[in-house]
Amino acid sequence: MEIDKKIIKKLIDALEDLKKSLKDNNEEINTQETIEEEVDNSKAIKSPIIGTAYLAPEPGGKHFAEVGKKIKKGDTIMIVEAMKTMNHVPSTLDGTIKKISVEDGQPVEFGQVLVVLE
């Protein structure tokens, strides 16, 4: 069986292009992570406990917090379930929700940013 050198060269070139695109993609992801880390902590509401975050009181229900919604100190922004206990997370500030940093059903850590206010 004879190997065609042109086909091998095309395969090598395709692999090099793939490596380059993956490297570029990783740089973009790292840049996005850096931007996300530059959150104003004075306007961030963080998780008080480790658990699973839920944005609504029941599956398919209306979310406690939505981007653009004005909230007051003490309003529930989400529930964090830990050890089969549903813990309401209250807002520590007044403001308008700029960003919700977690997905429904996502595990969260102590001190993780849940919501950013304007």
PDB file of N, CA and C in Angstrom:
ATOM      1  N   MET A   1       0.849  -1.178   0.000  1.00  0.00           N
ATOM      2  CA  MET A   1       0.000   0.000   0.000  1.00  0.00           C
ATOM      3  C   MET A   1       0.892   1.238   0.000  1.00  0.00           C
ATOM      4  N   GLU A   2       0.626   2.122  -0.923  1.00  0.00           N
ATOM      5  CA  GLU A   2       1.426   3.332  -1.067  1.00  0.00           C
ATOM      6  C   GLU A   2       0.692   4.500  -0.410  1.00  0.00           C
ATOM      7  N   ILE A   3       1.426   5.290   0.379  1.00  0.00           N
ATOM      8  CA  ILE A   3       0.845   6.431   1.094  1.00  0.00           C
ATOM      9  C   ILE A   3       1.043   7.682   0.249  1.00  0.00           C
ATOM     10  N   ASP A   4      -0.038   8.403   0.049  1.00  0.00           N
ATOM     11  CA  ASP A   4       0.003   9.633  -0.728  1.00  0.00           C
ATOM     12  C   ASP A   4       0.478  10.779   0.173  1.00  0.00           C
ATOM     13  N   LYS A   5       1.626  11.355  -0.143  1.00  0.00           N
ATOM     14  CA  LYS A   5       2.231  12.403   0.680  1.00  0.00           C
ATOM     15  C   LYS A   5       1.383  13.674   0.700  1.00  0.00           C
ATOM     16  N   LYS A   6       0.629  13.937  -0.358  1.00  0.00           N
ATOM     17  CA  LYS A   6      -0.212  15.127  -0.406  1.00  0.00           C
ATOM     18  C   LYS A   6      -1.329  15.047   0.640  1.00  0.00           C
ATOM     19  N   ILE A   7      -1.914  13.868   0.799  1.00  0.00           N
ATOM     20  CA  ILE A   7      -2.992  13.691   1.772  1.00  0.00           C
ATOM     21  C   ILE A   7      -2.453  13.866   3.195  1.00  0.00           C
ATOM     22  N   ILE A   8      -1.284  13.310   3.457  1.00  0.00           N
ATOM     23  CA  ILE A   8      -0.673  13.439   4.779  1.00  0.00           C
ATOM     24  C   ILE A   8      -0.372  14.903   5.082  1.00  0.00           C
ATOM     25  N   LYS A   9       0.133  15.631   4.100  1.00  0.00           N
ATOM     26  CA  LYS A   9       0.433  17.059   4.293  1.00  0.00           C
ATOM     27  C   LYS A   9      -0.850  17.826   4.604  1.00  0.00           C
ATOM     28  N   LYS A  10      -1.954  17.519   3.902  1.00  0.00           N
ATOM     29  CA  LYS A  10      -3.226  18.190   4.166  1.00  0.00           C
ATOM     30  C   LYS A  10      -3.711  17.883   5.583  1.00  0.00           C
ATOM     31  N   LEU A  11      -3.557  16.635   6.020  1.00  0.00           N
ATOM     32  CA  LEU A  11      -3.965  16.259   7.373  1.00  0.00           C
ATOM     33  C   LEU A  11      -3.143  17.003   8.431  1.00  0.00           C
ATOM     34  N   ILE A  12      -1.855  17.085   8.213  1.00  0.00           N
ATOM     35  CA  ILE A  12      -0.983  17.798   9.154  1.00  0.00           C
ATOM     36  C   ILE A  12      -1.363  19.273   9.215  1.00  0.00           C
ATOM     37  N   ASP A  13      -1.620  19.888   8.064  1.00  0.00           N
ATOM     38  CA  ASP A  13      -2.025  21.294   8.033  1.00  0.00           C
ATOM     39  C   ASP A  13      -3.358  21.497   8.760  1.00  0.00           C
ATOM     40  N   ALA A  14      -4.290  20.573   8.542  1.00  0.00           N
ATOM     41  CA  ALA A  14      -5.590  20.676   9.209  1.00  0.00           C
ATOM     42  C   ALA A  14      -5.433  20.570  10.725  1.00  0.00           C
ATOM     43  N   LEU A  15      -4.567  19.678  11.193  1.00  0.00           N
ATOM     44  CA  LEU A  15      -4.319  19.541  12.626  1.00  0.00           C
ATOM     45  C   LEU A  15      -3.676  20.791  13.210  1.00  0.00           C
ATOM     46  N   GLU A  16      -2.746  21.389  12.495  1.00  0.00           N
ATOM     47  CA  GLU A  16      -2.106  22.619  12.958  1.00  0.00           C
ATOM     48  C   GLU A  16      -3.123  23.754  13.067  1.00  0.00           C
ATOM     49  N   ASP A  17      -4.017  23.851  12.067  1.00  0.00           N
ATOM     50  CA  ASP A  17      -5.065  24.870  12.115  1.00  0.00           C
ATOM     51  C   ASP A  17      -5.985  24.649  13.314  1.00  0.00           C
ATOM     52  N   LEU A  18      -6.320  23.395  13.584  1.00  0.00           N
ATOM     53  CA  LEU A  18      -7.173  23.056  14.721  1.00  0.00           C
ATOM     54  C   LEU A  18      -6.497  23.435  16.040  1.00  0.00           C
ATOM     55  N   LYS A  19      -5.218  23.123  16.172  1.00  0.00           N
ATOM     56  CA  LYS A  19      -4.475  23.484  17.384  1.00  0.00           C
ATOM     57  C   LYS A  19      -4.486  25.002  17.584  1.00  0.00           C
ATOM     58  N   LYS A  20      -4.264  25.741  16.500  1.00  0.00           N
ATOM     59  CA  LYS A  20      -4.233  27.195  16.588  1.00  0.00           C
ATOM     60  C   LYS A  20      -5.601  27.745  17.001  1.00  0.00           C
ATOM     61  N   SER A  21      -6.675  27.213  16.419  1.00  0.00           N
ATOM     62  CA  SER A  21      -8.014  27.717  16.759  1.00  0.00           C
ATOM     63  C   SER A  21      -8.371  27.381  18.207  1.00  0.00           C
ATOM     64  N   LEU A  22      -7.959  26.214  18.697  1.00  0.00           N
ATOM     65  CA  LEU A  22      -8.209  25.860  20.091  1.00  0.00           C
ATOM     66  C   LEU A  22      -7.434  26.776  21.028  1.00  0.00           C
ATOM     67  N   LYS A  23      -6.204  27.101  20.671  1.00  0.00           N
ATOM     68  CA  LYS A  23      -5.386  27.998  21.484  1.00  0.00           C
ATOM     69  C   LYS A  23      -6.030  29.383  21.538  1.00  0.00           C
ATOM     70  N   ASP A  24      -6.485  29.891  20.384  1.00  0.00           N
ATOM     71  CA  ASP A  24      -7.143  31.190  20.335  1.00  0.00           C
ATOM     72  C   ASP A  24      -8.425  31.175  21.161  1.00  0.00           C
ATOM     73  N   ASN A  25      -9.183  30.085  21.078  1.00  0.00           N
ATOM     74  CA  ASN A  25     -10.436  29.957  21.819  1.00  0.00           C
ATOM     75  C   ASN A  25     -10.168  29.960  23.326  1.00  0.00           C
ATOM     76  N   ASN A  26      -9.123  29.265  23.769  1.00  0.00           N
ATOM     77  CA  ASN A  26      -8.775  29.243  25.192  1.00  0.00           C
ATOM     78  C   ASN A  26      -8.381  30.629  25.684  1.00  0.00           C
ATOM     79  N   GLU A  27      -7.688  31.400  24.859  1.00  0.00           N
ATOM     80  CA  GLU A  27      -7.321  32.770  25.240  1.00  0.00           C
ATOM     81  C   GLU A  27      -8.564  33.625  25.406  1.00  0.00           C
ATOM     82  N   GLU A  28      -9.571  33.442  24.538  1.00  0.00           N
ATOM     83  CA  GLU A  28     -10.819  34.194  24.649  1.00  0.00           C
ATOM     84  C   GLU A  28     -11.549  33.813  25.926  1.00  0.00           C
ATOM     85  N   ILE A  29     -11.589  32.523  26.254  1.00  0.00           N
ATOM     86  CA  ILE A  29     -12.254  32.068  27.470  1.00  0.00           C
ATOM     87  C   ILE A  29     -11.563  32.641  28.693  1.00  0.00           C
ATOM     88  N   ASN A  30     -10.227  32.618  28.711  1.00  0.00           N
ATOM     89  CA  ASN A  30      -9.490  33.174  29.843  1.00  0.00           C
ATOM     90  C   ASN A  30      -9.758  34.664  29.988  1.00  0.00           C
ATOM     91  N   THR A  31      -9.892  35.382  28.880  1.00  0.00           N
ATOM     92  CA  THR A  31     -10.192  36.808  28.923  1.00  0.00           C
ATOM     93  C   THR A  31     -11.581  37.031  29.513  1.00  0.00           C
ATOM     94  N   GLN A  32     -12.570  36.204  29.123  1.00  0.00           N
ATOM     95  CA  GLN A  32     -13.915  36.324  29.664  1.00  0.00           C
ATOM     96  C   GLN A  32     -13.929  36.041  31.158  1.00  0.00           C
ATOM     97  N   GLU A  33     -13.174  35.041  31.612  1.00  0.00           N
ATOM     98  CA  GLU A  33     -13.105  34.731  33.035  1.00  0.00           C
ATOM     99  C   GLU A  33     -12.515  35.896  33.809  1.00  0.00           C
ATOM    100  N   THR A  34     -11.509  36.557  33.248  1.00  0.00           N
ATOM    101  CA  THR A  34     -10.895  37.704  33.902  1.00  0.00           C
ATOM    102  C   THR A  34     -11.899  38.836  34.024  1.00  0.00           C
ATOM    103  N   ILE A  35     -12.686  39.074  32.988  1.00  0.00           N
ATOM    104  CA  ILE A  35     -13.695  40.129  33.016  1.00  0.00           C
ATOM    105  C   ILE A  35     -14.727  39.819  34.089  1.00  0.00           C
ATOM    106  N   GLU A  36     -15.161  38.558  34.182  1.00  0.00           N
ATOM    107  CA  GLU A  36     -16.155  38.180  35.173  1.00  0.00           C
ATOM    108  C   GLU A  36     -15.624  38.337  36.592  1.00  0.00           C
ATOM    109  N   GLU A  37     -14.319  38.142  36.789  1.00  0.00           N
ATOM    110  CA  GLU A  37     -13.747  38.259  38.114  1.00  0.00           C
ATOM    111  C   GLU A  37     -13.666  39.706  38.574  1.00  0.00           C
ATOM    112  N   GLU A  38     -13.756  40.656  37.658  1.00  0.00           N
ATOM    113  CA  GLU A  38     -13.646  42.067  37.994  1.00  0.00           C
ATOM    114  C   GLU A  38     -14.998  42.656  38.387  1.00  0.00           C
ATOM    115  N   VAL A  39     -15.780  41.915  39.169  1.00  0.00           N
ATOM    116  CA  VAL A  39     -17.089  42.358  39.619  1.00  0.00           C
ATOM    117  C   VAL A  39     -16.906  43.263  40.826  1.00  0.00           C
ATOM    118  N   ASP A  40     -17.707  44.330  40.896  1.00  0.00           N
ATOM    119  CA  ASP A  40     -17.670  45.230  42.039  1.00  0.00           C
ATOM    120  C   ASP A  40     -18.266  44.503  43.237  1.00  0.00           C
ATOM    121  N   ASN A  41     -17.404  44.042  44.150  1.00  0.00           N
ATOM    122  CA  ASN A  41     -17.856  43.250  45.292  1.00  0.00           C
ATOM    123  C   ASN A  41     -18.764  44.023  46.236  1.00  0.00           C
ATOM    124  N   SER A  42     -18.710  45.344  46.203  1.00  0.00           N
ATOM    125  CA  SER A  42     -19.587  46.124  47.072  1.00  0.00           C
ATOM    126  C   SER A  42     -21.047  46.049  46.612  1.00  0.00           C
ATOM    127  N   LYS A  43     -21.266  45.644  45.377  1.00  0.00           N
ATOM    128  CA  LYS A  43     -22.624  45.537  44.844  1.00  0.00           C
ATOM    129  C   LYS A  43     -22.977  44.100  44.474  1.00  0.00           C
ATOM    130  N   ALA A  44     -22.272  43.140  45.060  1.00  0.00           N
ATOM    131  CA  ALA A  44     -22.515  41.725  44.775  1.00  0.00           C
ATOM    132  C   ALA A  44     -23.173  41.073  45.979  1.00  0.00           C
ATOM    133  N   ILE A  45     -24.118  40.182  45.693  1.00  0.00           N
ATOM    134  CA  ILE A  45     -24.735  39.382  46.746  1.00  0.00           C
ATOM    135  C   ILE A  45     -24.139  37.988  46.627  1.00  0.00           C
ATOM    136  N   LYS A  46     -23.556  37.507  47.730  1.00  0.00           N
ATOM    137  CA  LYS A  46     -22.832  36.246  47.718  1.00  0.00           C
ATOM    138  C   LYS A  46     -23.597  35.166  48.471  1.00  0.00           C
ATOM    139  N   SER A  47     -23.261  33.925  48.158  1.00  0.00           N
ATOM    140  CA  SER A  47     -23.911  32.800  48.804  1.00  0.00           C
ATOM    141  C   SER A  47     -23.463  32.682  50.260  1.00  0.00           C
ATOM    142  N   PRO A  48     -24.424  32.574  51.171  1.00  0.00           N
ATOM    143  CA  PRO A  48     -24.063  32.435  52.580  1.00  0.00           C
ATOM    144  C   PRO A  48     -23.685  31.005  52.969  1.00  0.00           C
ATOM    145  N   ILE A  49     -23.997  30.041  52.092  1.00  0.00           N
ATOM    146  CA  ILE A  49     -23.735  28.630  52.385  1.00  0.00           C
ATOM    147  C   ILE A  49     -23.383  27.858  51.120  1.00  0.00           C
ATOM    148  N   ILE A  50     -22.895  26.645  51.311  1.00  0.00           N
ATOM    149  CA  ILE A  50     -22.643  25.725  50.197  1.00  0.00           C
ATOM    150  C   ILE A  50     -23.937  24.969  49.930  1.00  0.00           C
ATOM    151  N   GLY A  51     -24.295  24.797  48.675  1.00  0.00           N
ATOM    152  CA  GLY A  51     -25.508  24.053  48.355  1.00  0.00           C
ATOM    153  C   GLY A  51     -25.835  24.136  46.883  1.00  0.00           C
ATOM    154  N   THR A  52     -27.116  23.964  46.582  1.00  0.00           N
ATOM    155  CA  THR A  52     -27.617  24.030  45.209  1.00  0.00           C
ATOM    156  C   THR A  52     -28.544  25.229  45.085  1.00  0.00           C
ATOM    157  N   ALA A  53     -28.279  26.089  44.113  1.00  0.00           N
ATOM    158  CA  ALA A  53     -29.063  27.317  43.936  1.00  0.00           C
ATOM    159  C   ALA A  53     -30.306  27.037  43.089  1.00  0.00           C
ATOM    160  N   TYR A  54     -31.423  27.580  43.536  1.00  0.00           N
ATOM    161  CA  TYR A  54     -32.675  27.508  42.782  1.00  0.00           C
ATOM    162  C   TYR A  54     -33.212  28.925  42.623  1.00  0.00           C
ATOM    163  N   LEU A  55     -33.545  29.292  41.395  1.00  0.00           N
ATOM    164  CA  LEU A  55     -33.985  30.653  41.097  1.00  0.00           C
ATOM    165  C   LEU A  55     -35.473  30.867  41.326  1.00  0.00           C
ATOM    166  N   ALA A  56     -36.236  29.777  41.499  1.00  0.00           N
ATOM    167  CA  ALA A  56     -37.683  29.867  41.683  1.00  0.00           C
ATOM    168  C   ALA A  56     -38.096  28.979  42.859  1.00  0.00           C
ATOM    169  N   PRO A  57     -39.260  29.247  43.449  1.00  0.00           N
ATOM    170  CA  PRO A  57     -39.699  28.452  44.589  1.00  0.00           C
ATOM    171  C   PRO A  57     -40.097  27.018  44.230  1.00  0.00           C
ATOM    172  N   GLU A  58     -40.392  26.783  42.962  1.00  0.00           N
ATOM    173  CA  GLU A  58     -40.745  25.443  42.490  1.00  0.00           C
ATOM    174  C   GLU A  58     -40.364  25.313  41.023  1.00  0.00           C
ATOM    175  N   PRO A  59     -40.161  24.090  40.539  1.00  0.00           N
ATOM    176  CA  PRO A  59     -39.800  23.921  39.117  1.00  0.00           C
ATOM    177  C   PRO A  59     -40.849  24.553  38.203  1.00  0.00           C
ATOM    178  N   GLY A  60     -40.387  25.376  37.272  1.00  0.00           N
ATOM    179  CA  GLY A  60     -41.280  26.043  36.330  1.00  0.00           C
ATOM    180  C   GLY A  60     -41.948  27.277  36.893  1.00  0.00           C
ATOM    181  N   GLY A  61     -41.667  27.606  38.143  1.00  0.00           N
ATOM    182  CA  GLY A  61     -42.274  28.767  38.782  1.00  0.00           C
ATOM    183  C   GLY A  61     -41.602  30.067  38.375  1.00  0.00           C
ATOM    184  N   LYS A  62     -42.201  31.178  38.807  1.00  0.00           N
ATOM    185  CA  LYS A  62     -41.652  32.502  38.506  1.00  0.00           C
ATOM    186  C   LYS A  62     -40.380  32.705  39.328  1.00  0.00           C
ATOM    187  N   HIS A  63     -39.338  33.221  38.674  1.00  0.00           N
ATOM    188  CA  HIS A  63     -38.059  33.449  39.341  1.00  0.00           C
ATOM    189  C   HIS A  63     -38.178  34.557  40.385  1.00  0.00           C
ATOM    190  N   PHE A  64     -37.439  34.391  41.489  1.00  0.00           N
ATOM    191  CA  PHE A  64     -37.388  35.425  42.515  1.00  0.00           C
ATOM    192  C   PHE A  64     -36.748  36.694  41.960  1.00  0.00           C
ATOM    193  N   ALA A  65     -35.671  36.521  41.201  1.00  0.00           N
ATOM    194  CA  ALA A  65     -34.896  37.657  40.696  1.00  0.00           C
ATOM    195  C   ALA A  65     -34.718  37.534  39.186  1.00  0.00           C
ATOM    196  N   GLU A  66     -34.836  38.658  38.515  1.00  0.00           N
ATOM    197  CA  GLU A  66     -34.619  38.715  37.067  1.00  0.00           C
ATOM    198  C   GLU A  66     -33.820  39.972  36.752  1.00  0.00           C
ATOM    199  N   VAL A  67     -33.021  39.912  35.700  1.00  0.00           N
ATOM    200  CA  VAL A  67     -32.214  41.064  35.310  1.00  0.00           C
ATOM    201  C   VAL A  67     -33.127  42.255  35.032  1.00  0.00           C
ATOM    202  N   GLY A  68     -32.768  43.399  35.617  1.00  0.00           N
ATOM    203  CA  GLY A  68     -33.554  44.621  35.441  1.00  0.00           C
ATOM    204  C   GLY A  68     -34.576  44.859  36.536  1.00  0.00           C
ATOM    205  N   LYS A  69     -34.815  43.860  37.383  1.00  0.00           N
ATOM    206  CA  LYS A  69     -35.806  43.988  38.455  1.00  0.00           C
ATOM    207  C   LYS A  69     -35.203  44.765  39.623  1.00  0.00           C
ATOM    208  N   LYS A  70     -35.996  45.691  40.182  1.00  0.00           N
ATOM    209  CA  LYS A  70     -35.550  46.446  41.354  1.00  0.00           C
ATOM    210  C   LYS A  70     -35.875  45.626  42.596  1.00  0.00           C
ATOM    211  N   ILE A  71     -34.887  45.520  43.485  1.00  0.00           N
ATOM    212  CA  ILE A  71     -35.095  44.777  44.722  1.00  0.00           C
ATOM    213  C   ILE A  71     -34.698  45.635  45.913  1.00  0.00           C
ATOM    214  N   LYS A  72     -35.255  45.278  47.067  1.00  0.00           N
ATOM    215  CA  LYS A  72     -34.943  45.983  48.309  1.00  0.00           C
ATOM    216  C   LYS A  72     -34.177  45.049  49.226  1.00  0.00           C
ATOM    217  N   LYS A  73     -33.469  45.621  50.167  1.00  0.00           N
ATOM    218  CA  LYS A  73     -32.742  44.842  51.151  1.00  0.00           C
ATOM    219  C   LYS A  73     -33.737  43.921  51.870  1.00  0.00           C
ATOM    220  N   GLY A  74     -33.408  42.652  51.923  1.00  0.00           N
ATOM    221  CA  GLY A  74     -34.270  41.673  52.583  1.00  0.00           C
ATOM    222  C   GLY A  74     -35.125  40.845  51.633  1.00  0.00           C
ATOM    223  N   ASP A  75     -35.289  41.295  50.369  1.00  0.00           N
ATOM    224  CA  ASP A  75     -36.056  40.514  49.386  1.00  0.00           C
ATOM    225  C   ASP A  75     -35.316  39.212  49.075  1.00  0.00           C
ATOM    226  N   THR A  76     -36.054  38.123  48.930  1.00  0.00           N
ATOM    227  CA  THR A  76     -35.444  36.849  48.556  1.00  0.00           C
ATOM    228  C   THR A  76     -35.008  36.912  47.099  1.00  0.00           C
ATOM    229  N   ILE A  77     -33.735  36.557  46.836  1.00  0.00           N
ATOM    230  CA  ILE A  77     -33.247  36.561  45.458  1.00  0.00           C
ATOM    231  C   ILE A  77     -33.156  35.154  44.879  1.00  0.00           C
ATOM    232  N   MET A  78     -33.020  34.154  45.762  1.00  0.00           N
ATOM    233  CA  MET A  78     -33.013  32.754  45.335  1.00  0.00           C
ATOM    234  C   MET A  78     -33.010  31.868  46.561  1.00  0.00           C
ATOM    235  N   ILE A  79     -33.073  30.566  46.331  1.00  0.00           N
ATOM    236  CA  ILE A  79     -33.015  29.575  47.406  1.00  0.00           C
ATOM    237  C   ILE A  79     -31.742  28.768  47.212  1.00  0.00           C
ATOM    238  N   VAL A  80     -31.041  28.505  48.321  1.00  0.00           N
ATOM    239  CA  VAL A  80     -29.907  27.589  48.275  1.00  0.00           C
ATOM    240  C   VAL A  80     -30.258  26.404  49.165  1.00  0.00           C
ATOM    241  N   GLU A  81     -30.339  25.232  48.538  1.00  0.00           N
ATOM    242  CA  GLU A  81     -30.694  24.013  49.254  1.00  0.00           C
ATOM    243  C   GLU A  81     -29.427  23.358  49.769  1.00  0.00           C
ATOM    244  N   ALA A  82     -29.426  23.075  51.078  1.00  0.00           N
ATOM    245  CA  ALA A  82     -28.297  22.398  51.705  1.00  0.00           C
ATOM    246  C   ALA A  82     -28.850  21.378  52.697  1.00  0.00           C
ATOM    247  N   MET A  83     -28.431  20.143  52.560  1.00  0.00           N
ATOM    248  CA  MET A  83     -28.863  19.066  53.452  1.00  0.00           C
ATOM    249  C   MET A  83     -30.388  18.985  53.551  1.00  0.00           C
ATOM    250  N   LYS A  84     -31.047  19.030  52.406  1.00  0.00           N
ATOM    251  CA  LYS A  84     -32.504  18.927  52.282  1.00  0.00           C
ATOM    252  C   LYS A  84     -33.270  20.085  52.921  1.00  0.00           C
ATOM    253  N   THR A  85     -32.559  21.179  53.221  1.00  0.00           N
ATOM    254  CA  THR A  85     -33.195  22.368  53.784  1.00  0.00           C
ATOM    255  C   THR A  85     -33.133  23.491  52.757  1.00  0.00           C
ATOM    256  N   MET A  86     -34.283  24.107  52.495  1.00  0.00           N
ATOM    257  CA  MET A  86     -34.358  25.209  51.543  1.00  0.00           C
ATOM    258  C   MET A  86     -34.125  26.524  52.280  1.00  0.00           C
ATOM    259  N   ASN A  87     -32.990  27.163  51.989  1.00  0.00           N
ATOM    260  CA  ASN A  87     -32.594  28.405  52.654  1.00  0.00           C
ATOM    261  C   ASN A  87     -32.803  29.586  51.723  1.00  0.00           C
ATOM    262  N   HIS A  88     -33.686  30.488  52.107  1.00  0.00           N
ATOM    263  CA  HIS A  88     -33.916  31.686  51.298  1.00  0.00           C
ATOM    264  C   HIS A  88     -32.722  32.614  51.459  1.00  0.00           C
ATOM    265  N   VAL A  89     -32.213  33.123  50.324  1.00  0.00           N
ATOM    266  CA  VAL A  89     -31.075  34.047  50.349  1.00  0.00           C
ATOM    267  C   VAL A  89     -31.630  35.453  50.166  1.00  0.00           C
ATOM    268  N   PRO A  90     -31.519  36.288  51.208  1.00  0.00           N
ATOM    269  CA  PRO A  90     -32.048  37.650  51.091  1.00  0.00           C
ATOM    270  C   PRO A  90     -31.032  38.593  50.459  1.00  0.00           C
ATOM    271  N   SER A  91     -31.549  39.639  49.836  1.00  0.00           N
ATOM    272  CA  SER A  91     -30.683  40.673  49.296  1.00  0.00           C
ATOM    273  C   SER A  91     -30.079  41.451  50.462  1.00  0.00           C
ATOM    274  N   THR A  92     -28.807  41.766  50.365  1.00  0.00           N
ATOM    275  CA  THR A  92     -28.135  42.541  51.407  1.00  0.00           C
ATOM    276  C   THR A  92     -28.115  44.031  51.072  1.00  0.00           C
ATOM    277  N   LEU A  93     -28.623  44.370  49.873  1.00  0.00           N
ATOM    278  CA  LEU A  93     -28.591  45.758  49.394  1.00  0.00           C
ATOM    279  C   LEU A  93     -29.873  46.094  48.644  1.00  0.00           C
ATOM    280  N   ASP A  94     -30.140  47.375  48.482  1.00  0.00           N
ATOM    281  CA  ASP A  94     -31.173  47.856  47.563  1.00  0.00           C
ATOM    282  C   ASP A  94     -30.515  48.049  46.206  1.00  0.00           C
ATOM    283  N   GLY A  95     -31.257  47.835  45.133  1.00  0.00           N
ATOM    284  CA  GLY A  95     -30.706  48.100  43.809  1.00  0.00           C
ATOM    285  C   GLY A  95     -31.460  47.413  42.705  1.00  0.00           C
ATOM    286  N   THR A  96     -30.899  47.511  41.508  1.00  0.00           N
ATOM    287  CA  THR A  96     -31.458  46.880  40.320  1.00  0.00           C
ATOM    288  C   THR A  96     -30.519  45.750  39.911  1.00  0.00           C
ATOM    289  N   ILE A  97     -31.094  44.595  39.598  1.00  0.00           N
ATOM    290  CA  ILE A  97     -30.277  43.436  39.252  1.00  0.00           C
ATOM    291  C   ILE A  97     -29.632  43.648  37.887  1.00  0.00           C
ATOM    292  N   LYS A  98     -28.308  43.579  37.880  1.00  0.00           N
ATOM    293  CA  LYS A  98     -27.528  43.748  36.654  1.00  0.00           C
ATOM    294  C   LYS A  98     -27.199  42.394  36.035  1.00  0.00           C
ATOM    295  N   LYS A  99     -26.895  41.413  36.894  1.00  0.00           N
ATOM    296  CA  LYS A  99     -26.482  40.107  36.386  1.00  0.00           C
ATOM    297  C   LYS A  99     -26.797  39.034  37.418  1.00  0.00           C
ATOM    298  N   ILE A 100     -27.292  37.898  36.941  1.00  0.00           N
ATOM    299  CA  ILE A 100     -27.466  36.717  37.779  1.00  0.00           C
ATOM    300  C   ILE A 100     -26.355  35.755  37.374  1.00  0.00           C
ATOM    301  N   SER A 101     -25.484  35.438  38.325  1.00  0.00           N
ATOM    302  CA  SER A 101     -24.255  34.705  38.019  1.00  0.00           C
ATOM    303  C   SER A 101     -24.374  33.196  38.102  1.00  0.00           C
ATOM    304  N   VAL A 102     -25.529  32.668  38.468  1.00  0.00           N
ATOM    305  CA  VAL A 102     -25.689  31.217  38.585  1.00  0.00           C
ATOM    306  C   VAL A 102     -26.903  30.753  37.791  1.00  0.00           C
ATOM    307  N   GLU A 103     -26.879  29.486  37.426  1.00  0.00           N
ATOM    308  CA  GLU A 103     -27.992  28.862  36.712  1.00  0.00           C
ATOM    309  C   GLU A 103     -28.893  28.142  37.720  1.00  0.00           C
ATOM    310  N   ASP A 104     -30.114  27.891  37.348  1.00  0.00           N
ATOM    311  CA  ASP A 104     -31.030  27.139  38.196  1.00  0.00           C
ATOM    312  C   ASP A 104     -30.516  25.711  38.369  1.00  0.00           C
ATOM    313  N   GLY A 105     -30.396  25.262  39.616  1.00  0.00           N
ATOM    314  CA  GLY A 105     -29.922  23.915  39.896  1.00  0.00           C
ATOM    315  C   GLY A 105     -28.416  23.773  39.953  1.00  0.00           C
ATOM    316  N   GLN A 106     -27.689  24.872  39.862  1.00  0.00           N
ATOM    317  CA  GLN A 106     -26.225  24.846  39.863  1.00  0.00           C
ATOM    318  C   GLN A 106     -25.697  24.776  41.293  1.00  0.00           C
ATOM    319  N   PRO A 107     -24.676  23.943  41.543  1.00  0.00           N
ATOM    320  CA  PRO A 107     -24.039  23.950  42.860  1.00  0.00           C
ATOM    321  C   PRO A 107     -23.302  25.273  43.092  1.00  0.00           C
ATOM    322  N   VAL A 108     -23.372  25.788  44.320  1.00  0.00           N
ATOM    323  CA  VAL A 108     -22.684  27.027  44.664  1.00  0.00           C
ATOM    324  C   VAL A 108     -21.820  26.818  45.907  1.00  0.00           C
ATOM    325  N   GLU A 109     -20.796  27.622  45.998  1.00  0.00           N
ATOM    326  CA  GLU A 109     -19.857  27.576  47.128  1.00  0.00           C
ATOM    327  C   GLU A 109     -20.130  28.749  48.062  1.00  0.00           C
ATOM    328  N   PHE A 110     -19.638  28.642  49.296  1.00  0.00           N
ATOM    329  CA  PHE A 110     -19.724  29.744  50.234  1.00  0.00           C
ATOM    330  C   PHE A 110     -18.964  30.947  49.668  1.00  0.00           C
ATOM    331  N   GLY A 111     -19.597  32.113  49.669  1.00  0.00           N
ATOM    332  CA  GLY A 111     -18.946  33.331  49.188  1.00  0.00           C
ATOM    333  C   GLY A 111     -18.982  33.539  47.689  1.00  0.00           C
ATOM    334  N   GLN A 112     -19.568  32.598  46.936  1.00  0.00           N
ATOM    335  CA  GLN A 112     -19.655  32.736  45.479  1.00  0.00           C
ATOM    336  C   GLN A 112     -20.676  33.832  45.146  1.00  0.00           C
ATOM    337  N   VAL A 113     -20.350  34.667  44.163  1.00  0.00           N
ATOM    338  CA  VAL A 113     -21.244  35.737  43.739  1.00  0.00           C
ATOM    339  C   VAL A 113     -22.475  35.112  43.067  1.00  0.00           C
ATOM    340  N   LEU A 114     -23.651  35.477  43.595  1.00  0.00           N
ATOM    341  CA  LEU A 114     -24.911  34.990  43.037  1.00  0.00           C
ATOM    342  C   LEU A 114     -25.539  36.011  42.107  1.00  0.00           C
ATOM    343  N   VAL A 115     -25.579  37.274  42.575  1.00  0.00           N
ATOM    344  CA  VAL A 115     -26.232  38.356  41.847  1.00  0.00           C
ATOM    345  C   VAL A 115     -25.376  39.615  41.968  1.00  0.00           C
ATOM    346  N   VAL A 116     -25.326  40.393  40.893  1.00  0.00           N
ATOM    347  CA  VAL A 116     -24.645  41.681  40.900  1.00  0.00           C
ATOM    348  C   VAL A 116     -25.692  42.769  40.675  1.00  0.00           C
ATOM    349  N   LEU A 117     -25.630  43.799  41.500  1.00  0.00           N
ATOM    350  CA  LEU A 117     -26.583  44.908  41.411  1.00  0.00           C
ATOM    351  C   LEU A 117     -25.930  46.128  40.785  1.00  0.00           C
ATOM    352  N   GLU A 118     -26.774  47.017  40.261  1.00  0.00           N
ATOM    353  CA  GLU A 118     -26.291  48.294  39.714  1.00  0.00           C
ATOM    354  C   GLU A 118     -26.333  49.337  40.800  1.00  0.00           C
TER     355      GLU A 118
END
